[in-house]
């Protein structure tokens, strides 16, 4: 309704302008080129509101008014003079109408695009905003406005200054202040989480600079996502894992002890009894291994993985891992070999490093079918040592490789074949390797095989292993 009223008003103004110009010519007695030009604004205004056709008619009307005034004032009004005035006025009307139509079309398209983009931004789970280089808010979507209202953020100041008001309400106020001060002074990418003390709500924030092609930083994107439910589930899961692991450890220790006592009296058991005893011992050993893995993962998640570096020989550790896996490999028809020459001195926690090697070799053997092969190679690379375990096994789909280092994740190729496992081995291996300052990577293709590469520094920096991962 407002648009219609505005259009009606403007058309009325243009019409009155045409008439007033005509009356002014009659009143003053002047015309000529100036009189014609005086009609142009009103023609253009009519054309902009009603289109090129009406603009052309307005040009004809203006020419007719000029002709009438010229007759009354005895000014030139011959056909040539009339044509010289008609053509420009009609042209102005058509051009103004076409230009207005194009501008209106572009404006409507832009408005529709802006509305679509706004709807898209408002439909996201994340709170998103754009600030200028100084940190002043330029644009914010509906989720972020809701978060700001729920958190009671100030309505004025830069985004960093507004977030800084939450510092005393977080579980780590000092660290939160430091992060906000950095974000307020430096246009760098960042990612962090904070938790509110009273409500226990947890938020993850990310920022990224907006950079022109020439490298100039002109703005910054901020995103805020609530991850309270995710963190709550993680805590419940960790508590459950820890509790179950501790509760299982005690009875398993007792069972294992009694099985050892039975083993000492093996001569008094029948053939069936000895068979049952062997099955029980293997099953108990597997359960104990699973429980130890669960407890170790709990330590890793709590940043309590403690390592004791000592001088060790990586080649010797690799040979021990291969020897331990050889009986299973032979039973499964898998060729297992070691490619390592000489000694490979390294400073590391030998027990934990052996755990990594055992895990990689046993995984490779487990996922390689009869007739396949597994190769472990170890070599020196200057100030680092390298270990690689490759197999010709069932492999992993490429789109699942990135998830293999997630807790309890198992590849579809393993679950389809019902191959047992907990999905913790690679998680533990990565934690131990990274705690040593090394790296671990995995490459795989389904039905082609897998290659896991580990790189470790020969020497540890003083204090680098303290505390955990």
Protein backbone atom coordinates (compact mmCIF):
# COMPACT_ATOMS: atom_id res chain seq x y z
CA UNK A 1 0.00 0.00 0.00
CA UNK A 2 2.85 2.40 0.77
CA UNK A 3 4.39 1.75 -2.64
CA UNK A 4 1.07 2.43 -4.40
CA UNK A 5 0.55 5.65 -2.46
CA UNK A 6 4.07 6.82 -3.31
CA UNK A 7 3.55 6.06 -7.00
CA UNK A 8 0.23 7.90 -7.04
CA UNK A 9 1.81 10.90 -5.35
CA UNK A 10 4.72 11.01 -7.80
CA UNK A 11 2.42 10.69 -10.83
CA UNK A 12 0.33 13.52 -9.45
CA UNK A 13 3.41 15.68 -8.91
CA UNK A 14 4.58 15.02 -12.48
CA UNK A 15 1.17 15.84 -13.91
CA UNK A 16 0.94 19.05 -11.91
CA UNK A 17 4.48 19.88 -13.03
CA UNK A 18 3.55 19.57 -16.69
CA UNK A 19 0.53 21.79 -16.24
CA UNK A 20 2.46 24.29 -14.12
CA UNK A 21 5.20 24.52 -16.74
CA UNK A 22 2.57 25.23 -19.40
CA UNK A 23 0.94 27.91 -17.24
CA UNK A 24 4.37 29.41 -16.48
CA UNK A 25 5.07 29.72 -20.20
CA UNK A 26 1.77 31.48 -20.78
CA UNK A 27 2.25 33.74 -17.78
CA UNK A 28 5.83 34.80 -18.47
CA UNK A 29 5.49 34.85 -22.22
CA UNK A 30 8.77 32.97 -22.64
CA UNK A 31 9.35 29.66 -24.37
CA UNK A 32 11.96 28.59 -26.87
CA UNK A 33 14.39 25.78 -25.98
CA UNK A 34 14.24 26.59 -22.27
CA UNK A 35 10.51 25.99 -22.24
CA UNK A 36 10.98 22.57 -23.79
CA UNK A 37 13.70 21.59 -21.34
CA UNK A 38 11.46 22.49 -18.42
CA UNK A 39 9.12 19.63 -19.39
CA UNK A 40 11.92 17.00 -19.20
CA UNK A 41 11.89 16.34 -15.41
CA UNK A 42 8.15 15.72 -15.38
CA UNK A 43 8.30 13.42 -18.39
CA UNK A 44 11.11 11.45 -16.79
CA UNK A 45 9.21 11.21 -13.51
CA UNK A 46 6.08 9.88 -15.24
CA UNK A 47 8.14 7.40 -17.27
CA UNK A 48 9.96 6.13 -14.19
CA UNK A 49 6.67 5.36 -12.48
CA UNK A 50 4.50 4.16 -15.38
CA UNK A 51 6.94 2.80 -17.95
CA UNK A 52 8.31 3.75 -21.40
CA UNK A 53 4.93 3.80 -23.16
CA UNK A 54 3.51 6.38 -20.76
CA UNK A 55 6.84 8.21 -20.99
CA UNK A 56 6.41 8.50 -24.77
CA UNK A 57 2.83 9.74 -24.33
CA UNK A 58 4.08 12.26 -21.76
CA UNK A 59 6.59 13.49 -24.35
CA UNK A 60 3.78 13.91 -26.89
CA UNK A 61 1.65 15.70 -24.28
CA UNK A 62 4.52 18.05 -23.39
CA UNK A 63 5.03 18.83 -27.07
CA UNK A 64 1.31 19.55 -27.44
CA UNK A 65 1.40 21.87 -24.44
CA UNK A 66 4.42 23.65 -25.91
CA UNK A 67 2.59 23.94 -29.26
CA UNK A 68 -0.49 25.40 -27.57
CA UNK A 69 1.63 27.94 -25.68
CA UNK A 70 3.56 28.80 -28.83
CA UNK A 71 0.33 29.55 -30.69
CA UNK A 72 -0.90 31.70 -27.85
CA UNK A 73 2.38 33.62 -27.62
CA UNK A 74 2.92 33.76 -31.38
CA UNK A 75 6.16 31.77 -31.16
CA UNK A 76 7.48 29.42 -33.86
CA UNK A 77 5.15 26.46 -34.18
CA UNK A 78 5.74 25.20 -37.68
CA UNK A 79 6.02 21.44 -38.33
CA UNK A 80 9.83 21.53 -38.26
CA UNK A 81 9.92 23.28 -34.86
CA UNK A 82 7.31 20.87 -33.58
CA UNK A 83 9.29 17.82 -34.74
CA UNK A 84 12.52 19.14 -33.24
CA UNK A 85 10.81 19.32 -29.88
CA UNK A 86 8.69 16.19 -30.13
CA UNK A 87 11.53 13.78 -30.87
CA UNK A 88 13.72 14.66 -27.84
CA UNK A 89 10.81 14.74 -25.42
CA UNK A 90 9.46 11.39 -26.59
CA UNK A 91 13.01 9.99 -26.49
CA UNK A 92 13.44 11.17 -22.92
CA UNK A 93 10.19 9.48 -21.93
CA UNK A 94 11.09 6.16 -23.54
CA UNK A 95 14.68 6.16 -22.23
CA UNK A 96 13.62 7.10 -18.71
CA UNK A 97 10.96 4.40 -18.71
CA UNK A 98 13.32 1.70 -19.94
CA UNK A 99 16.03 2.74 -17.48
CA UNK A 100 13.56 2.76 -14.62
CA UNK A 101 12.25 -0.67 -15.59
CA UNK A 102 15.80 -2.06 -15.70
CA UNK A 103 16.70 -0.47 -12.36
CA UNK A 104 13.48 -1.77 -10.80
CA UNK A 105 14.13 -5.27 -12.15
CA UNK A 106 17.69 -5.26 -10.80
CA UNK A 107 16.48 -3.92 -7.47
CA UNK A 108 13.81 -6.62 -7.17
CA UNK A 109 16.33 -9.32 -8.12
CA UNK A 110 18.79 -7.99 -5.56
CA UNK A 111 16.06 -7.83 -2.96
CA UNK A 112 15.06 -11.44 -3.68
CA UNK A 113 18.70 -12.56 -3.50
CA UNK A 114 19.21 -10.73 -0.21
CA UNK A 115 16.03 -12.27 1.19
CA UNK A 116 17.16 -15.75 0.12
CA UNK A 117 20.61 -15.26 1.63
CA UNK A 118 19.10 -13.93 4.83
CA UNK A 119 16.73 -16.90 5.02
CA UNK A 120 19.65 -19.24 4.45
CA UNK A 121 21.71 -17.61 7.20
CA UNK A 122 18.79 -17.59 9.62
CA UNK A 123 18.10 -21.28 8.93
CA UNK A 124 21.53 -22.46 10.10
CA UNK A 125 22.20 -23.96 13.51
CA UNK A 126 25.24 -21.75 14.00
CA UNK A 127 25.16 -18.13 14.99
CA UNK A 128 26.97 -16.21 12.25
CA UNK A 129 28.01 -12.59 12.01
CA UNK A 130 30.23 -10.37 9.90
CA UNK A 131 32.34 -7.57 11.35
CA UNK A 132 34.52 -4.96 9.74
CA UNK A 133 38.28 -4.91 10.25
CA UNK A 134 37.83 -2.97 13.50
CA UNK A 135 35.46 -5.60 14.92
CA UNK A 136 32.24 -3.59 14.57
CA UNK A 137 29.15 -5.64 13.80
CA UNK A 138 27.94 -5.39 10.19
CA UNK A 139 25.55 -8.34 9.88
CA UNK A 140 24.19 -11.01 12.23
CA UNK A 141 21.80 -13.90 11.64
CA UNK A 142 18.84 -14.89 13.80
CA UNK A 143 20.57 -17.70 15.77
CA UNK A 144 23.37 -15.35 16.81
CA UNK A 145 20.87 -12.68 17.86
CA UNK A 146 19.11 -15.35 19.94
CA UNK A 147 22.39 -16.43 21.55
CA UNK A 148 23.24 -12.81 22.30
CA UNK A 149 19.88 -12.29 24.01
CA UNK A 150 20.12 -15.53 26.01
CA UNK A 151 23.68 -14.78 27.13
CA UNK A 152 22.87 -11.16 27.95
CA UNK A 153 25.55 -9.66 25.71
CA UNK A 154 25.78 -5.84 25.57
CA UNK A 155 24.21 -4.15 22.55
CA UNK A 156 27.16 -1.82 21.98
CA UNK A 157 30.86 -2.30 21.35
CA UNK A 158 32.88 -4.59 19.12
CA UNK A 159 32.07 -8.30 19.06
CA UNK A 160 35.21 -9.09 21.07
CA UNK A 161 34.24 -6.47 23.68
CA UNK A 162 30.71 -7.87 23.93
CA UNK A 163 31.98 -11.43 24.37
CA UNK A 164 34.49 -10.23 26.95
CA UNK A 165 31.56 -9.45 29.26
CA UNK A 166 31.09 -13.22 29.65
CA UNK A 167 34.58 -13.79 31.09
CA UNK A 168 33.61 -13.94 34.77
CA UNK A 169 30.76 -16.33 33.98
CA UNK A 170 32.96 -18.93 32.28
CA UNK A 171 34.82 -21.83 33.86
CA UNK A 172 38.16 -20.40 32.70
CA UNK A 173 37.85 -16.60 32.98
CA UNK A 174 41.56 -15.83 32.65
CA UNK A 175 42.01 -17.87 29.47
CA UNK A 176 38.76 -16.50 28.06
CA UNK A 177 39.94 -12.90 28.59
CA UNK A 178 43.25 -13.66 26.90
CA UNK A 179 41.48 -15.15 23.89
CA UNK A 180 39.13 -12.18 23.55
CA UNK A 181 42.01 -9.71 23.80
CA UNK A 182 43.85 -11.56 21.04
CA UNK A 183 40.74 -11.57 18.85
CA UNK A 184 40.23 -7.89 19.52
CA UNK A 185 43.75 -7.00 18.41
CA UNK A 186 44.59 -9.54 15.70
CA UNK A 187 42.66 -10.51 12.57
CA UNK A 188 43.63 -14.18 12.64
CA UNK A 189 41.69 -17.41 12.27
CA UNK A 190 40.82 -19.04 15.59
CA UNK A 191 38.76 -21.81 17.18
CA UNK A 192 37.95 -22.30 20.84
CA UNK A 193 35.35 -23.50 23.32
CA UNK A 194 34.03 -22.01 26.52
CA UNK A 195 31.65 -23.21 29.20
CA UNK A 196 29.37 -21.11 31.39
CA UNK A 197 29.68 -21.87 35.09
CA UNK A 198 26.04 -21.57 36.16
CA UNK A 199 24.14 -23.03 33.22
CA UNK A 200 26.93 -25.45 32.13
CA UNK A 201 26.21 -24.48 28.54
CA UNK A 202 29.17 -25.06 26.21
CA UNK A 203 29.81 -23.05 23.05
CA UNK A 204 32.35 -23.45 20.27
CA UNK A 205 33.43 -20.27 18.53
CA UNK A 206 35.33 -19.88 15.27
CA UNK A 207 36.59 -16.83 13.41
CA UNK A 208 38.14 -16.38 9.98
CA UNK A 209 39.41 -13.23 8.24
CA UNK A 210 37.82 -12.06 4.98
CA UNK A 211 40.68 -11.35 2.59
CA UNK A 212 40.73 -9.53 -0.74
CA UNK A 213 42.66 -11.01 -3.70
CA UNK A 214 45.51 -8.60 -2.95
CA UNK A 215 45.83 -10.01 0.57
CA UNK A 216 44.19 -7.10 2.41
CA UNK A 217 42.03 -8.18 5.37
CA UNK A 218 38.77 -6.24 5.19
CA UNK A 219 36.44 -8.09 7.55
CA UNK A 220 35.98 -11.13 9.75
CA UNK A 221 33.43 -13.95 9.94
CA UNK A 222 32.42 -15.18 13.39
CA UNK A 223 30.46 -18.36 14.10
CA UNK A 224 29.08 -19.61 17.40
CA UNK A 225 27.63 -23.08 17.95
CA UNK A 226 26.23 -24.58 21.12
CA UNK A 227 27.76 -28.00 21.80
CA UNK A 228 26.35 -28.56 25.27
CA UNK A 229 24.59 -31.81 24.33
CA UNK A 230 27.70 -33.19 22.61
CA UNK A 231 29.92 -32.47 25.60
CA UNK A 232 27.35 -33.91 28.01
CA UNK A 233 27.21 -37.15 26.02
CA UNK A 234 31.01 -37.30 25.91
CA UNK A 235 31.22 -36.92 29.67
CA UNK A 236 28.62 -39.60 30.21
CA UNK A 237 30.44 -41.88 27.80
CA UNK A 238 33.81 -41.26 29.45
CA UNK A 239 32.33 -41.83 32.90
CA UNK A 240 30.69 -45.02 31.71
CA UNK A 241 33.87 -46.30 30.06
CA UNK A 242 35.94 -45.48 33.12
CA UNK A 243 33.49 -47.06 35.54
CA UNK A 244 32.99 -50.21 33.48
CA UNK A 245 36.73 -50.59 32.92
CA UNK A 246 37.52 -50.37 36.62
CA UNK A 247 34.64 -52.68 37.54
CA UNK A 248 35.78 -55.27 34.99
CA UNK A 249 39.44 -55.11 35.90
CA UNK A 250 39.08 -56.62 39.38
CA UNK A 251 37.04 -59.74 38.50
CA UNK A 252 39.15 -60.33 35.39
CA UNK A 253 42.28 -60.28 37.51
CA UNK A 254 40.73 -62.89 39.80
CA UNK A 255 39.61 -65.06 36.90
CA UNK A 256 43.03 -64.84 35.31
CA UNK A 257 44.69 -65.85 38.59
CA UNK A 258 42.48 -68.90 39.04
CA UNK A 259 43.04 -69.92 35.43
CA UNK A 260 46.79 -69.82 36.04
CA UNK A 261 46.31 -72.01 39.08
CA UNK A 262 44.33 -74.47 36.97
CA UNK A 263 47.10 -74.37 34.40
CA UNK A 264 49.57 -75.45 37.06
CA UNK A 265 47.41 -78.54 37.63
CA UNK A 266 46.98 -79.24 33.93
CA UNK A 267 48.17 -82.83 34.38
CA UNK A 268 45.05 -83.58 36.40
CA UNK A 269 42.72 -82.29 33.67
CA UNK A 270 41.20 -84.33 30.92
CA UNK A 271 41.80 -83.51 27.26
CA UNK A 272 38.48 -81.64 27.10
CA UNK A 273 39.32 -79.79 30.30
CA UNK A 274 42.65 -78.63 28.91
CA UNK A 275 40.90 -77.46 25.72
CA UNK A 276 38.36 -75.49 27.74
CA UNK A 277 41.13 -74.01 29.84
CA UNK A 278 42.98 -72.78 26.75
CA UNK A 279 39.80 -71.14 25.42
CA UNK A 280 39.16 -69.47 28.77
CA UNK A 281 42.73 -68.19 28.96
CA UNK A 282 42.56 -66.71 25.45
CA UNK A 283 39.18 -65.10 26.11
CA UNK A 284 40.31 -63.70 29.43
CA UNK A 285 43.44 -62.30 27.82
CA UNK A 286 41.32 -60.62 25.16
CA UNK A 287 38.99 -59.11 27.76
CA UNK A 288 41.94 -57.83 29.77
CA UNK A 289 43.39 -56.27 26.63
CA UNK A 290 40.09 -54.51 25.88
CA UNK A 291 39.82 -53.21 29.44
CA UNK A 292 43.40 -51.92 29.34
CA UNK A 293 42.65 -50.15 26.06
CA UNK A 294 39.54 -48.54 27.54
CA UNK A 295 41.48 -47.33 30.56
CA UNK A 296 44.26 -45.99 28.35
CA UNK A 297 41.77 -44.10 26.18
CA UNK A 298 40.30 -42.58 29.35
CA UNK A 299 43.80 -41.43 30.36
CA UNK A 300 44.37 -39.97 26.90
CA UNK A 301 41.10 -38.05 26.99
CA UNK A 302 42.00 -36.70 30.43
CA UNK A 303 45.47 -35.65 29.20
CA UNK A 304 47.10 -38.02 31.68
CA UNK A 305 49.09 -40.18 29.30
CA UNK A 306 52.51 -40.37 30.92
CA UNK A 307 55.55 -41.56 28.98
CA UNK A 308 59.03 -42.48 30.20
CA UNK A 309 61.56 -41.98 27.38
CA UNK A 310 64.67 -44.17 27.40
CA UNK A 311 67.26 -45.07 24.74
CA UNK A 312 65.76 -47.82 22.58
CA UNK A 313 66.32 -49.62 19.31
CA UNK A 314 63.39 -49.24 16.93
CA UNK A 315 64.61 -52.12 14.75
CA UNK A 316 64.61 -54.43 17.77
CA UNK A 317 61.13 -53.34 18.83
CA UNK A 318 59.88 -53.90 15.27
CA UNK A 319 61.42 -57.38 15.22
CA UNK A 320 59.70 -58.24 18.51
CA UNK A 321 56.33 -57.02 17.17
CA UNK A 322 56.71 -59.12 14.02
CA UNK A 323 57.76 -62.19 16.01
CA UNK A 324 54.74 -61.82 18.31
CA UNK A 325 52.33 -61.61 15.36
CA UNK A 326 53.98 -64.40 13.33
CA UNK A 327 52.01 -67.34 14.80
CA UNK A 328 48.66 -65.68 13.99
CA UNK A 329 49.89 -64.71 10.52
CA UNK A 330 50.97 -68.25 9.74
CA UNK A 331 47.68 -69.64 11.05
CA UNK A 332 45.80 -67.27 8.73
CA UNK A 333 48.00 -68.00 5.72
CA UNK A 334 49.47 -64.46 5.67
CA UNK A 335 53.11 -63.84 4.74
CA UNK A 336 54.67 -61.53 7.34
CA UNK A 337 58.13 -60.05 6.94
CA UNK A 338 60.33 -57.32 8.41
CA UNK A 339 62.48 -54.95 6.37
CA UNK A 340 64.94 -53.29 8.78
CA UNK A 341 68.73 -53.27 8.65
CA UNK A 342 71.09 -52.57 11.51
CA UNK A 343 70.11 -50.66 14.60
CA UNK A 344 67.79 -47.67 14.72
CA UNK A 345 68.44 -45.81 17.97
CA UNK A 346 65.56 -43.68 19.22
CA UNK A 347 64.65 -42.01 22.48
CA UNK A 348 61.15 -43.14 23.42
CA UNK A 349 58.95 -44.95 25.88
CA UNK A 350 59.84 -48.44 24.67
CA UNK A 351 56.73 -50.08 26.14
CA UNK A 352 54.31 -47.63 24.57
CA UNK A 353 56.16 -47.64 21.25
CA UNK A 354 56.04 -51.45 21.20
CA UNK A 355 52.31 -51.15 21.84
CA UNK A 356 51.97 -49.01 18.70
CA UNK A 357 53.94 -51.46 16.58
CA UNK A 358 52.02 -54.47 17.93
CA UNK A 359 48.76 -52.71 17.14
CA UNK A 360 49.72 -51.83 13.57
CA UNK A 361 51.06 -55.30 12.75
CA UNK A 362 48.16 -57.17 14.36
CA UNK A 363 45.66 -54.95 12.52
CA UNK A 364 47.38 -55.60 9.21
CA UNK A 365 47.39 -59.36 9.78
CA UNK A 366 43.78 -59.38 10.97
CA UNK A 367 42.50 -57.54 7.90
CA UNK A 368 44.56 -59.48 5.35
CA UNK A 369 42.93 -62.64 3.95
CA UNK A 370 44.62 -65.97 3.31
CA UNK A 371 47.35 -65.67 0.69
CA UNK A 372 48.03 -61.99 1.36
CA UNK A 373 51.14 -60.35 2.77
CA UNK A 374 52.11 -57.84 5.44
CA UNK A 375 55.40 -55.95 5.50
CA UNK A 376 56.83 -53.83 8.29
CA UNK A 377 59.76 -51.61 7.33
CA UNK A 378 61.85 -49.37 9.58
CA UNK A 379 64.47 -46.85 8.48
CA UNK A 380 66.49 -43.82 9.53
CA UNK A 381 65.72 -40.39 8.05
CA UNK A 382 68.29 -38.01 9.48
CA UNK A 383 66.94 -36.68 12.75
CA UNK A 384 63.86 -38.88 12.53
CA UNK A 385 63.03 -42.57 12.18
CA UNK A 386 60.28 -44.02 10.02
CA UNK A 387 58.11 -47.09 10.36
CA UNK A 388 55.72 -48.30 7.71
CA UNK A 389 53.28 -51.21 7.85
CA UNK A 390 51.69 -52.15 4.54
CA UNK A 391 49.35 -55.00 3.67
CA UNK A 392 47.42 -56.43 0.75
CA UNK A 393 44.26 -56.79 2.80
CA UNK A 394 40.61 -55.79 2.43
CA UNK A 395 41.39 -52.09 2.66
CA UNK A 396 39.07 -49.25 3.63
CA UNK A 397 36.73 -47.10 1.50
CA UNK A 398 38.39 -43.76 0.75
CA UNK A 399 35.51 -41.77 2.23
CA UNK A 400 35.98 -43.54 5.60
CA UNK A 401 39.73 -43.05 6.00
CA UNK A 402 39.32 -39.72 7.78
CA UNK A 403 37.19 -41.31 10.52
CA UNK A 404 39.53 -44.19 11.40
CA UNK A 405 41.22 -42.23 14.17
CA UNK A 406 37.88 -41.62 15.95
CA UNK A 407 37.05 -43.59 19.07
CA UNK A 408 35.10 -46.81 18.51
CA UNK A 409 34.86 -46.24 14.77
CA UNK A 410 35.17 -49.35 12.62
CA UNK A 411 35.38 -49.41 8.85
CA UNK A 412 32.45 -50.87 6.91
CA UNK A 413 34.75 -53.43 5.32
CA UNK A 414 35.46 -54.82 8.80
CA UNK A 415 31.88 -54.81 10.05
CA UNK A 416 30.57 -56.47 6.88
CA UNK A 417 33.01 -59.36 7.40
CA UNK A 418 32.29 -59.49 11.17
CA UNK A 419 35.99 -59.06 11.98
CA UNK A 420 36.24 -58.48 15.76
CA UNK A 421 37.65 -55.25 17.16
CA UNK A 422 36.90 -52.26 19.38
CA UNK A 423 37.91 -49.35 17.15
CA UNK A 424 40.40 -48.09 19.73
CA UNK A 425 43.73 -49.29 18.35
CA UNK A 426 44.43 -46.42 15.98
CA UNK A 427 43.20 -43.87 18.52
CA UNK A 428 45.73 -45.17 21.04
CA UNK A 429 48.49 -45.41 18.42
CA UNK A 430 48.02 -41.82 17.32
CA UNK A 431 47.97 -40.54 20.90
CA UNK A 432 51.22 -42.33 21.72
CA UNK A 433 52.94 -41.25 18.50
CA UNK A 434 51.91 -37.61 18.88
CA UNK A 435 52.94 -37.64 22.54
CA UNK A 436 56.43 -38.51 21.27
CA UNK A 437 56.32 -35.53 18.91
CA UNK A 438 55.75 -37.76 15.88
CA UNK A 439 53.13 -38.15 13.18
CA UNK A 440 51.00 -41.03 11.93
CA UNK A 441 49.12 -41.25 8.65
CA UNK A 442 47.08 -43.87 6.83
CA UNK A 443 46.40 -44.55 3.17
CA UNK A 444 44.01 -47.20 1.98
CA UNK A 445 41.86 -48.37 -0.92
CA UNK A 446 39.10 -50.95 -0.65
CA UNK A 447 40.21 -54.42 -1.79
CA UNK A 448 43.74 -53.11 -2.46
CA UNK A 449 45.32 -52.80 0.96
CA UNK A 450 46.41 -50.30 3.59
CA UNK A 451 49.64 -48.49 4.44
CA UNK A 452 50.25 -46.85 7.81
CA UNK A 453 53.27 -44.57 8.20
CA UNK A 454 54.79 -43.41 11.50
CA UNK A 455 57.54 -40.82 11.87
CA UNK A 456 59.26 -40.17 15.20
CA UNK A 457 62.02 -37.81 16.29
CA UNK A 458 65.24 -39.56 17.31
CA UNK A 459 65.62 -37.37 20.37
CA UNK A 460 62.99 -35.94 22.65
CA UNK A 461 62.99 -32.30 23.69
CA UNK A 462 63.36 -31.95 27.45
CA UNK A 463 59.92 -31.89 29.06
CA UNK A 464 58.07 -32.62 25.83
CA UNK A 465 56.63 -35.88 27.15
CA UNK A 466 55.50 -34.54 30.49
CA UNK A 467 51.81 -34.55 31.21
CA UNK A 468 50.33 -36.22 28.15
CA UNK A 469 49.09 -35.60 24.67
